[in-house]
Protein backbone atom coordinates (compact mmCIF):
# COMPACT_ATOMS: atom_id res chain seq x y z
CA MET A 1 0.02 0.06 0.01
CA GLY A 2 2.91 2.40 0.84
CA GLU A 3 4.40 1.72 -2.58
CA ILE A 4 1.16 2.63 -4.32
CA LEU A 5 0.83 5.73 -2.18
CA ASN A 6 4.44 6.96 -2.96
CA SER A 7 3.64 6.43 -6.72
CA PHE A 8 0.33 8.16 -6.43
CA ARG A 9 1.89 11.02 -4.44
CA SER A 10 4.51 11.49 -7.21
CA PHE A 11 1.71 11.52 -9.77
CA SER A 12 -0.39 13.89 -7.72
CA LYS A 13 2.51 16.34 -7.32
CA TYR A 14 3.02 16.42 -10.98
CA ASN A 15 -0.67 17.02 -11.63
CA SER A 16 -0.75 19.64 -8.86
CA ASP A 17 2.15 21.53 -10.47
CA VAL A 18 0.33 21.38 -13.86
CA ILE A 19 -2.80 22.70 -12.28
CA ASP A 20 -0.96 25.47 -10.47
CA LEU A 21 0.55 26.60 -13.67
CA TYR A 22 -2.77 26.46 -15.55
CA ASN A 23 -4.58 28.37 -12.64
CA GLN A 24 -1.70 30.97 -12.81
CA LEU A 25 -2.15 31.27 -16.57
CA ASN A 26 -5.85 31.44 -16.29
CA LYS A 27 -5.60 34.20 -13.56
CA SER A 28 -3.16 36.16 -15.88
CA PHE A 29 -5.60 35.86 -18.83
CA ILE A 30 -8.52 37.16 -16.69
CA SER A 31 -6.43 39.98 -15.15
CA THR A 32 -5.24 40.92 -18.58
CA LEU A 33 -8.88 41.35 -19.71
CA GLN A 34 -9.50 43.37 -16.55
CA TYR A 35 -6.62 45.50 -17.30
CA ASN A 36 -7.92 46.34 -20.84
CA SER A 37 -11.34 46.97 -19.24
CA PHE A 38 -9.76 49.48 -16.78
CA ILE A 39 -7.98 51.31 -19.71
CA LYS A 40 -11.47 51.73 -21.46
CA GLU A 41 -13.08 52.96 -18.20
CA LYS A 42 -10.27 55.44 -17.63
CA GLU A 43 -10.62 56.63 -21.24
CA ASN A 44 -14.36 57.15 -20.71
CA LEU A 45 -13.82 59.10 -17.42
CA LEU A 46 -11.23 61.42 -19.06
CA LYS A 47 -13.71 61.96 -21.80
CA GLN A 48 -16.40 62.78 -19.20
CA GLN A 49 -14.02 65.15 -17.65
CA GLU A 50 -13.39 66.84 -21.02
CA ILE A 51 -17.20 66.99 -21.58
CA LEU A 52 -17.71 68.63 -18.05
CA ASN A 53 -14.97 71.23 -18.76
CA LYS A 54 -16.29 72.06 -22.18
CA THR A 55 -19.93 72.50 -20.84
CA ASP A 56 -18.65 75.46 -18.70
CA LEU A 57 -17.01 77.04 -21.71
CA VAL A 58 -19.72 76.67 -24.49
CA SER A 59 -22.40 79.35 -24.31
CA GLU A 60 -25.89 78.15 -23.24
CA SER A 61 -24.51 74.67 -22.63
CA SER A 62 -24.66 75.25 -18.90
CA GLU A 63 -28.36 76.19 -19.09
CA ILE A 64 -29.13 72.97 -21.10
CA PHE A 65 -26.96 70.93 -18.76
CA GLU A 66 -29.12 72.32 -15.75
CA LYS A 67 -32.33 71.33 -17.54
CA LEU A 68 -30.90 67.88 -18.03
CA LYS A 69 -30.06 67.59 -14.42
CA GLN A 70 -33.63 68.69 -13.33
CA LEU A 71 -35.19 66.02 -15.61
CA ASN A 72 -32.86 63.49 -14.18
CA ASN A 73 -33.86 64.24 -10.64
CA SER A 74 -37.42 64.20 -11.66
CA ILE A 75 -36.98 60.67 -13.28
CA ILE A 76 -35.23 59.44 -10.11
CA LEU A 77 -38.05 60.67 -7.96
CA ASN A 78 -40.79 59.17 -10.17
CA LYS A 79 -38.99 55.89 -10.33
CA GLN A 80 -38.98 55.67 -6.64
CA ASN A 81 -42.70 56.65 -6.52
CA LEU A 82 -43.50 54.19 -9.14
CA LYS A 83 -41.78 51.48 -7.33
CA TYR A 84 -43.70 52.06 -4.10
CA LEU A 85 -47.03 52.31 -6.17
CA GLU A 86 -46.33 49.21 -8.27
CA GLU A 87 -46.39 46.99 -5.27
CA ASP A 88 -49.87 48.03 -4.33
CA TYR A 89 -50.98 48.12 -8.08
CA PHE A 90 -50.07 44.60 -8.87
CA LYS A 91 -51.23 43.40 -5.49
CA GLU A 92 -54.70 44.78 -6.23
CA LYS A 93 -54.62 43.62 -9.86
CA ASN A 94 -53.85 40.04 -8.68
CA ARG A 95 -56.86 40.18 -6.31
CA ILE A 96 -59.06 41.11 -9.33
CA ASP A 97 -57.63 38.25 -11.28
CA ASP A 98 -58.60 36.02 -8.24
CA PHE A 99 -62.09 37.25 -8.21
CA LYS A 100 -62.52 36.57 -12.05
CA LYS A 101 -61.14 33.07 -11.67
CA THR A 102 -63.64 32.40 -8.82
CA ILE A 103 -66.47 33.82 -10.93
CA ASP A 104 -65.32 31.38 -13.91
CA SER A 105 -65.19 28.46 -11.60
CA TYR A 106 -68.69 29.11 -10.59
CA ASN A 107 -69.75 29.51 -14.33
CA THR A 108 -68.10 26.02 -14.90
CA LYS A 109 -69.90 24.51 -12.06
CA ILE A 110 -73.27 25.95 -13.02
CA LYS A 111 -72.81 24.76 -16.68
CA ASN A 112 -71.99 21.24 -15.43
CA PHE A 113 -75.03 21.02 -13.17
CA GLU A 114 -77.20 22.36 -15.98
CA GLY A 115 -75.92 19.57 -18.21
CA TYR A 116 -76.63 16.88 -15.59
CA LYS A 117 -80.08 18.39 -15.20
CA ARG A 118 -80.79 18.19 -18.90
CA GLU A 119 -79.80 14.48 -18.80
CA ILE A 120 -82.30 13.87 -16.11
CA VAL A 121 -85.04 15.66 -18.08
CA LEU A 122 -84.30 13.43 -21.08
CA GLN A 123 -84.45 10.24 -18.82
CA ILE A 124 -87.78 11.36 -17.43
CA GLU A 125 -89.01 11.92 -20.94
CA ASN A 126 -87.94 8.37 -21.92
CA ILE A 127 -89.64 7.00 -18.87
CA THR A 128 -92.76 8.83 -19.82
CA LYS A 129 -92.66 7.08 -23.30
CA GLU A 130 -92.03 3.66 -21.72
CA MET A 131 -95.00 4.18 -19.49
CA ASP A 132 -97.18 4.75 -22.51
CA GLU A 133 -95.80 1.60 -24.01
CA TYR A 134 -96.35 -0.48 -20.82
CA PRO A 135 -99.59 0.20 -19.08
CA ILE A 136 -99.60 0.09 -15.38
CA LYS A 137 -101.34 -3.22 -15.25
CA ASN A 138 -98.59 -4.73 -17.39
CA GLU A 139 -95.74 -2.89 -15.67
CA LYS A 140 -94.12 -6.18 -14.84
CA LYS A 141 -93.43 -6.87 -18.50
CA ASN A 142 -90.84 -3.86 -18.73
CA ASN A 143 -87.16 -4.96 -18.84
CA ASN A 144 -86.15 -2.87 -15.57
CA LYS A 145 -86.52 -4.42 -12.19
CA ILE A 146 -87.35 -1.00 -10.67
CA SER A 147 -90.93 0.20 -11.36
CA PHE A 148 -91.70 3.29 -13.46
CA SER A 149 -92.97 5.32 -10.59
CA LYS A 150 -89.87 4.55 -8.36
CA ARG A 151 -87.51 5.38 -11.25
CA PHE A 152 -89.55 8.69 -11.88
CA GLN A 153 -89.31 9.73 -8.23
CA GLU A 154 -85.46 9.03 -8.03
CA LEU A 155 -84.78 11.00 -11.18
CA LYS A 156 -87.02 13.91 -10.04
CA LYS A 157 -85.05 13.93 -6.75
CA GLN A 158 -81.77 13.97 -8.63
CA GLY A 159 -82.99 16.83 -10.71
CA GLY A 160 -84.02 18.68 -7.59
CA ASN A 161 -80.57 18.20 -6.10
CA TYR A 162 -78.94 19.63 -9.25
CA GLN A 163 -81.36 22.65 -9.39
CA TYR A 164 -80.35 23.27 -5.73
CA GLU A 165 -76.68 23.09 -6.49
CA ILE A 166 -77.18 25.57 -9.49
CA LYS A 167 -79.09 28.04 -7.17
CA LYS A 168 -76.31 27.75 -4.45
CA ALA A 169 -73.60 28.44 -7.02
CA LEU A 170 -75.53 31.38 -8.58
CA GLU A 171 -76.01 32.96 -5.13
CA ARG A 172 -72.27 32.74 -4.23
CA GLN A 173 -71.35 33.84 -7.70
CA ASN A 174 -73.44 36.95 -7.23
CA ILE A 175 -71.86 37.68 -3.84
CA VAL A 176 -68.31 37.51 -5.47
CA CYS A 177 -69.54 39.73 -8.40
CA LEU A 178 -70.82 42.32 -5.96
CA GLU A 179 -67.46 42.19 -3.97
CA LEU A 180 -65.65 42.61 -7.37
CA GLU A 181 -67.61 45.70 -8.31
CA LYS A 182 -66.75 47.38 -5.13
CA PHE A 183 -63.13 46.40 -5.35
CA ILE A 184 -62.88 47.61 -8.97
CA THR A 185 -63.99 51.18 -8.00
CA GLY A 186 -61.06 51.57 -5.69
CA PHE A 187 -58.77 49.84 -8.19
CA GLU A 188 -59.57 52.18 -11.01
CA ILE A 189 -58.39 55.17 -9.07
CA LEU A 190 -55.12 53.31 -8.11
CA GLU A 191 -54.74 52.30 -11.85
CA LEU A 192 -55.15 56.01 -13.02
CA ASP A 193 -52.48 57.05 -10.49
CA TYR A 194 -50.12 54.25 -11.65
CA GLN A 195 -50.59 55.14 -15.49
CA ASP A 196 -50.28 58.69 -14.88
CA LEU A 197 -47.02 58.31 -13.03
CA LEU A 198 -45.75 55.80 -15.74
CA ASN A 199 -46.66 58.14 -18.49
CA LYS A 200 -44.88 60.98 -16.73
CA LEU A 201 -41.81 58.90 -16.34
CA ASN A 202 -41.71 57.94 -20.05
CA ASN A 203 -42.23 61.50 -21.00
CA ASP A 204 -39.33 62.75 -18.90
CA LYS A 205 -37.12 60.02 -20.38
CA ASP A 206 -38.03 61.21 -24.06
CA LYS A 207 -37.39 64.78 -23.15
CA GLN A 208 -34.10 63.79 -21.58
CA LYS A 209 -32.92 62.01 -24.76
CA LYS A 210 -33.82 65.11 -26.79
CA ILE A 211 -32.01 67.49 -24.46
CA LYS A 212 -29.09 65.11 -24.22
CA LYS A 213 -28.87 65.02 -28.07
CA GLU A 214 -29.08 68.80 -28.26
CA LEU A 215 -26.26 69.16 -25.76
CA GLY A 216 -24.14 66.64 -27.70
CA LYS A 217 -24.51 68.72 -30.74
CA ARG A 218 -23.35 71.91 -29.04
CA LEU A 219 -20.43 70.22 -27.55
CA ASN A 220 -19.72 68.18 -30.63
CA TYR A 221 -19.82 64.88 -28.64
CA ASN A 222 -21.85 61.70 -28.99
CA LEU A 223 -23.47 61.42 -25.48
CA ASP A 224 -25.60 58.35 -26.11
CA LYS A 225 -23.00 55.97 -24.46
CA TYR A 226 -23.03 58.02 -21.27
CA SER A 227 -25.73 57.62 -18.75
CA SER A 228 -27.12 60.71 -17.07
CA SER A 229 -25.55 59.90 -13.72
CA ASP A 230 -22.14 59.73 -15.53
CA LEU A 231 -22.64 63.18 -17.07
CA PHE A 232 -23.50 64.70 -13.66
CA MET A 233 -20.41 63.49 -11.86
CA SER A 234 -18.21 66.28 -10.45
CA THR A 235 -14.56 66.75 -11.30
CA GLU A 236 -13.60 65.54 -7.75
CA GLU A 237 -15.68 62.34 -8.27
CA ILE A 238 -14.09 61.66 -11.67
CA ASN A 239 -10.62 62.12 -10.20
CA LYS A 240 -11.30 59.75 -7.31
CA LEU A 241 -12.48 57.12 -9.86
CA ILE A 242 -9.40 57.52 -12.13
CA GLN A 243 -7.14 57.25 -9.07
CA LYS A 244 -8.87 53.94 -8.01
CA ILE A 245 -8.60 52.52 -11.56
CA GLU A 246 -4.89 53.39 -11.70
CA ASN A 247 -4.26 51.76 -8.48
CA ASN A 248 -5.99 48.54 -9.75
CA MET A 249 -3.90 48.69 -12.97
CA ASN A 250 -0.63 49.10 -10.96
CA SER A 251 -1.66 46.08 -8.85
CA ILE A 252 -2.29 43.93 -12.09
CA GLN A 253 1.00 45.08 -13.45
CA LYS A 254 2.97 43.81 -10.39
CA SER A 255 1.09 40.49 -10.17
CA ASN A 256 0.69 39.50 -13.89
CA GLU A 257 4.15 38.43 -15.27
CA PHE A 258 2.48 37.69 -18.62
CA LEU A 259 1.11 41.20 -19.25
CA ASN A 260 2.46 43.20 -22.03
CA ILE A 261 2.16 46.92 -20.63
CA ASN A 262 3.01 48.43 -24.00
CA GLN A 263 0.40 46.35 -25.76
CA PRO A 264 -1.96 45.04 -23.16
CA SER A 265 -4.57 43.95 -25.63
CA GLU A 266 -2.04 41.39 -27.01
CA LEU A 267 -2.27 37.99 -25.17
CA LEU A 268 0.70 36.51 -26.88
CA LYS A 269 2.62 35.54 -23.81
CA VAL A 270 -0.32 33.73 -22.13
CA LYS A 271 -1.10 31.91 -25.38
CA GLU A 272 2.54 30.77 -25.73
CA GLU A 273 2.62 29.42 -22.06
CA LEU A 274 -0.67 27.67 -22.56
CA LYS A 275 0.61 25.96 -25.77
CA SER A 276 3.85 24.95 -23.97
CA LEU A 277 1.92 23.49 -21.07
CA GLN A 278 -0.39 21.51 -23.57
CA ILE A 279 2.73 19.96 -25.14
CA LYS A 280 4.23 19.18 -21.75
CA VAL A 281 1.04 17.42 -20.59
CA SER A 282 0.42 15.49 -23.76
CA GLY A 283 4.01 14.32 -24.05
CA ASN A 284 4.50 13.26 -20.36
CA GLN A 285 5.77 9.68 -19.80
CA GLU A 286 7.07 10.04 -16.27
CA ILE A 287 4.39 8.34 -14.42
CA SER A 288 3.93 4.54 -14.91
CA SER A 289 2.25 1.82 -12.79
CA ILE A 290 4.79 -0.14 -10.67
CA LEU A 291 2.37 -2.67 -9.41
CA LYS A 292 -0.22 -5.05 -10.96
CA LYS A 293 -3.77 -3.73 -11.46
CA THR A 294 -5.12 -6.55 -9.20
CA GLU A 295 -2.74 -5.39 -6.36
CA ILE A 296 -3.86 -1.85 -6.75
CA ILE A 297 -7.54 -2.71 -6.74
CA GLU A 298 -7.00 -5.04 -3.59
CA SER A 299 -5.28 -2.19 -1.71
CA ILE A 300 -7.82 0.28 -2.65
CA LEU A 301 -10.67 -2.05 -1.41
CA ASN A 302 -8.96 -2.72 1.80
CA PHE A 303 -8.47 1.09 2.29
CA ASN A 304 -12.15 1.54 1.50
CA LYS A 305 -13.08 -0.89 4.30
CA ILE A 306 -11.08 1.06 6.86
CA GLU A 307 -12.67 4.20 5.61
CA ASN A 308 -16.19 2.81 5.87
CA LEU A 309 -15.34 1.60 9.29
CA ILE A 310 -14.22 4.93 10.52
CA LYS A 311 -17.32 6.56 9.00
CA ASN A 312 -19.70 4.14 10.77
CA LEU A 313 -17.85 4.72 14.03
CA GLU A 314 -18.01 8.51 13.56
CA ARG A 315 -21.79 8.08 12.81
CA LEU A 316 -22.37 6.12 16.03
CA LEU A 317 -20.35 8.48 18.16
CA ASN A 318 -22.14 11.58 16.81
CA ASN A 319 -25.48 9.98 17.59
CA PHE A 320 -24.47 10.00 21.37
CA LEU A 321 -22.47 13.21 21.30
CA LEU A 322 -25.49 15.34 20.17
CA GLN A 323 -26.88 14.83 23.72
CA ILE A 324 -24.06 17.00 24.96
CA TYR A 325 -24.13 19.34 21.98
CA LEU A 326 -20.90 18.11 20.47
CA LYS A 327 -20.16 16.74 16.94
CA LEU A 328 -16.99 14.63 16.07
CA GLU A 329 -15.04 14.42 12.85
CA ILE A 330 -12.38 11.83 12.54
CA GLU A 331 -9.58 12.88 10.19
CA THR A 332 -7.39 10.20 8.62
CA ILE A 333 -3.70 11.15 8.44
CA ILE A 334 -1.12 9.27 6.36
CA SER A 335 2.60 9.59 7.22
CA GLN A 336 5.06 11.06 4.68
CA ASP A 337 6.46 7.63 4.16
CA ASN A 338 3.09 6.24 3.58
CA ASN A 339 3.72 3.42 6.14
CA ASN A 340 1.59 4.69 9.03
CA ILE A 341 -1.99 5.83 9.51
CA ALA A 342 -3.06 8.11 12.37
CA PHE A 343 -6.57 9.46 13.25
CA GLN A 344 -6.97 13.01 14.55
CA LEU A 345 -10.23 13.83 16.44
CA LYS A 346 -11.92 17.27 15.97
CA PHE A 347 -14.86 18.16 18.28
CA PHE A 348 -17.33 20.89 17.23
CA GLN A 349 -19.18 22.64 19.88
CA ILE A 350 -22.59 23.13 18.36
CA ARG A 351 -23.77 25.87 20.70
CA LYS A 352 -20.43 27.97 20.71
CA LYS A 353 -19.47 27.02 17.14
CA THR A 354 -15.96 26.36 18.13
CA ILE A 355 -13.50 23.46 17.32
CA LEU A 356 -11.68 21.66 20.13
CA SER A 357 -9.19 18.78 20.53
CA PHE A 358 -9.83 16.05 22.99
CA ASN A 359 -7.55 17.54 25.64
CA GLU A 360 -9.53 20.80 25.41
CA LEU A 361 -12.81 19.22 26.49
CA THR A 362 -14.12 19.39 29.90
CA THR A 363 -13.81 16.42 32.30
CA PRO A 364 -17.48 15.51 32.10
CA GLU A 365 -17.21 15.68 28.26
CA LYS A 366 -14.06 13.49 28.22
CA VAL A 367 -15.75 10.88 30.48
CA PHE A 368 -18.79 10.74 28.26
CA PHE A 369 -16.72 10.40 25.17
CA VAL A 370 -14.48 7.50 26.58
CA ILE A 371 -17.59 5.58 27.65
CA ILE A 372 -19.47 5.95 24.32
CA PHE A 373 -16.28 5.28 22.39
CA TYR A 374 -16.00 1.82 24.18
CA ILE A 375 -19.73 1.07 23.63
CA SER A 376 -19.62 2.26 19.94
CA VAL A 377 -16.76 0.01 19.09
CA ASN A 378 -18.62 -2.93 20.70
CA VAL A 379 -21.87 -2.02 18.60
CA LEU A 380 -19.67 -1.69 15.49
CA PHE A 381 -18.45 -5.24 15.81
CA ASN A 382 -21.99 -6.42 16.73
CA PHE A 383 -21.35 -7.60 20.26
CA LYS A 384 -24.97 -8.05 21.48
CA ASN A 385 -23.95 -8.09 25.28
CA ILE A 386 -21.79 -5.01 25.98
CA LYS A 387 -20.08 -5.02 29.34
CA PHE A 388 -18.58 -1.86 30.68
CA SER A 389 -16.85 -1.19 34.04
CA ASN A 390 -15.59 2.05 35.55
CA LEU A 391 -12.40 0.02 36.36
CA LEU A 392 -11.57 0.36 32.71
CA LEU A 393 -11.30 4.15 33.02
CA PRO A 394 -8.16 5.94 34.00
CA THR A 395 -8.27 7.36 37.44
CA ILE A 396 -8.62 10.99 36.34
CA TYR A 397 -11.94 10.02 34.52
CA ASN A 398 -13.44 7.73 37.23
CA LYS A 399 -15.86 10.33 38.39
CA ARG A 400 -19.10 9.13 39.96
CA GLY A 401 -21.21 12.13 38.90
CA SER A 402 -20.04 12.18 35.23
CA ILE A 403 -20.38 8.37 34.85
CA PHE A 404 -24.00 8.27 36.02
CA ARG A 405 -24.88 11.39 33.92
CA THR A 406 -23.46 9.57 30.95
CA LEU A 407 -25.54 6.43 31.67
CA LYS A 408 -28.72 8.67 31.99
CA LYS A 409 -28.12 10.21 28.56
CA ILE A 410 -27.25 7.02 26.59
CA ILE A 411 -29.75 4.47 27.86
CA PRO A 412 -32.72 6.35 26.28
CA ILE A 413 -30.91 6.23 22.81
CA PHE A 414 -30.67 2.49 22.94
CA GLU A 415 -34.40 2.27 23.61
CA ARG A 416 -35.29 4.85 20.93
CA GLU A 417 -33.04 3.81 17.98
CA ASP A 418 -34.25 0.72 15.97
CA ASP A 419 -30.70 -0.42 15.15
CA LEU A 420 -29.62 -0.20 18.77
CA ARG A 421 -32.64 -1.97 20.51
CA GLY A 422 -31.02 -5.50 20.07
CA PHE A 423 -28.07 -4.66 22.25
CA ASN A 424 -27.90 -5.33 26.01
CA LEU A 425 -25.82 -2.92 28.12
CA ILE A 426 -24.30 -4.46 31.34
CA PHE A 427 -22.43 -1.99 33.65
CA ILE A 428 -20.26 -3.24 36.43
CA LEU A 429 -19.56 -0.30 38.73
CA SER A 430 -17.09 -0.64 41.56
CA ASN A 431 -17.09 1.68 44.63
CA LEU A 432 -19.62 4.17 43.18
CA VAL A 433 -22.78 4.90 45.11
CA MET A 434 -25.84 5.59 42.87
CA LYS A 435 -27.86 8.24 44.70
CA GLY A 436 -30.76 8.40 42.19
CA GLN A 437 -32.64 5.98 40.16
CA ILE A 438 -31.98 5.65 36.34
CA ASN A 439 -34.97 4.86 34.14
CA ASN A 440 -34.95 1.38 32.67
CA LEU A 441 -31.75 0.29 34.43
CA ASN A 442 -31.97 -2.89 36.56
CA VAL A 443 -29.59 -2.61 39.52
CA ILE A 444 -28.09 -5.64 41.11
CA THR A 445 -25.88 -5.02 44.21
CA ILE A 446 -23.21 -7.54 44.85
């Protein structure tokens, strides 16, 4: 197994180096794209600064700029108001839709019952014809076992039931219709306010486009690619953004060794390194299998058995540890020479959300863990009668209170869990006085 792990470690290191280089190239590629994006942002900001300076110089431009600013403030305000109104508007609109759906459902129900009623009427007409064909004195000759009069009464009763359901559905439908009429009156006012605000917002946007275009002509700039918020930035705000972008660009220059500062849009260096890496990976012949396939499979299967055993033990222990708000994680550690395996225990305190080692646990927690660990190992190997004695504990953990508190917490788990009910717990306690009773524990004093 050690030989396989050594080979695997060598292979993993090679893969890790390749992945690290690939990640480095990938980051360089992304940061180069970011660098180019920053260049464009900086150019736009410098252009905005130029537009702002020119606005102050060109006659009447300042007045147009002020109108644009007022319109922008109006648009921002109307957008906020529309957002608040939209919530009520669509909520009420949905309620109207619900009313209409209810009315439609009653219409469907009424149509169905009217159809059933028509069928009853047809059956009654057919019975009337049959009665004409079979006089009452010869009624026994008809093919039906039920008499004409009885069939007639049953159909009449069914027809009456359907008529009652139609009446009931109509009454309920009328109530919903009245509620809808009242509701629509209030909604129409809300809808008018909503449409009025929406139209005002759209009109302001149209005006803004026209004024923006007029300002662009005066300044001899195409302002379409600039948002209103961009145009209204002050010189100080623009300078701060430019400084921030330059800082980001300097940071990329220091970290990206493949960046061509003179021609940042060129990705030649990154492409060459990627091509070199591809050739290196495809031509690699360093790693070869030193063991037979069957030996490797057998070793992996054995390692999986150990891993499953540890997982099952971890699951059993955590089932008990939850009683004292702890959770355990067992970490498998393989030595550098791949000849030894060790297990590291990490305890998570659920309430405090901290991670502790065994030595950092309190004494009661340590006693609890030592006892459940012994019991869990016995459960894992399916020993039906599990014997535990406090004499197995080191002296520092042989604490009467902690031991009895542990027993009180774990016994109910064996009664509650289906996969633990088949086990018998036998506790042999020496020189420990039990002051109180423990439920479902039979005590025999020797």
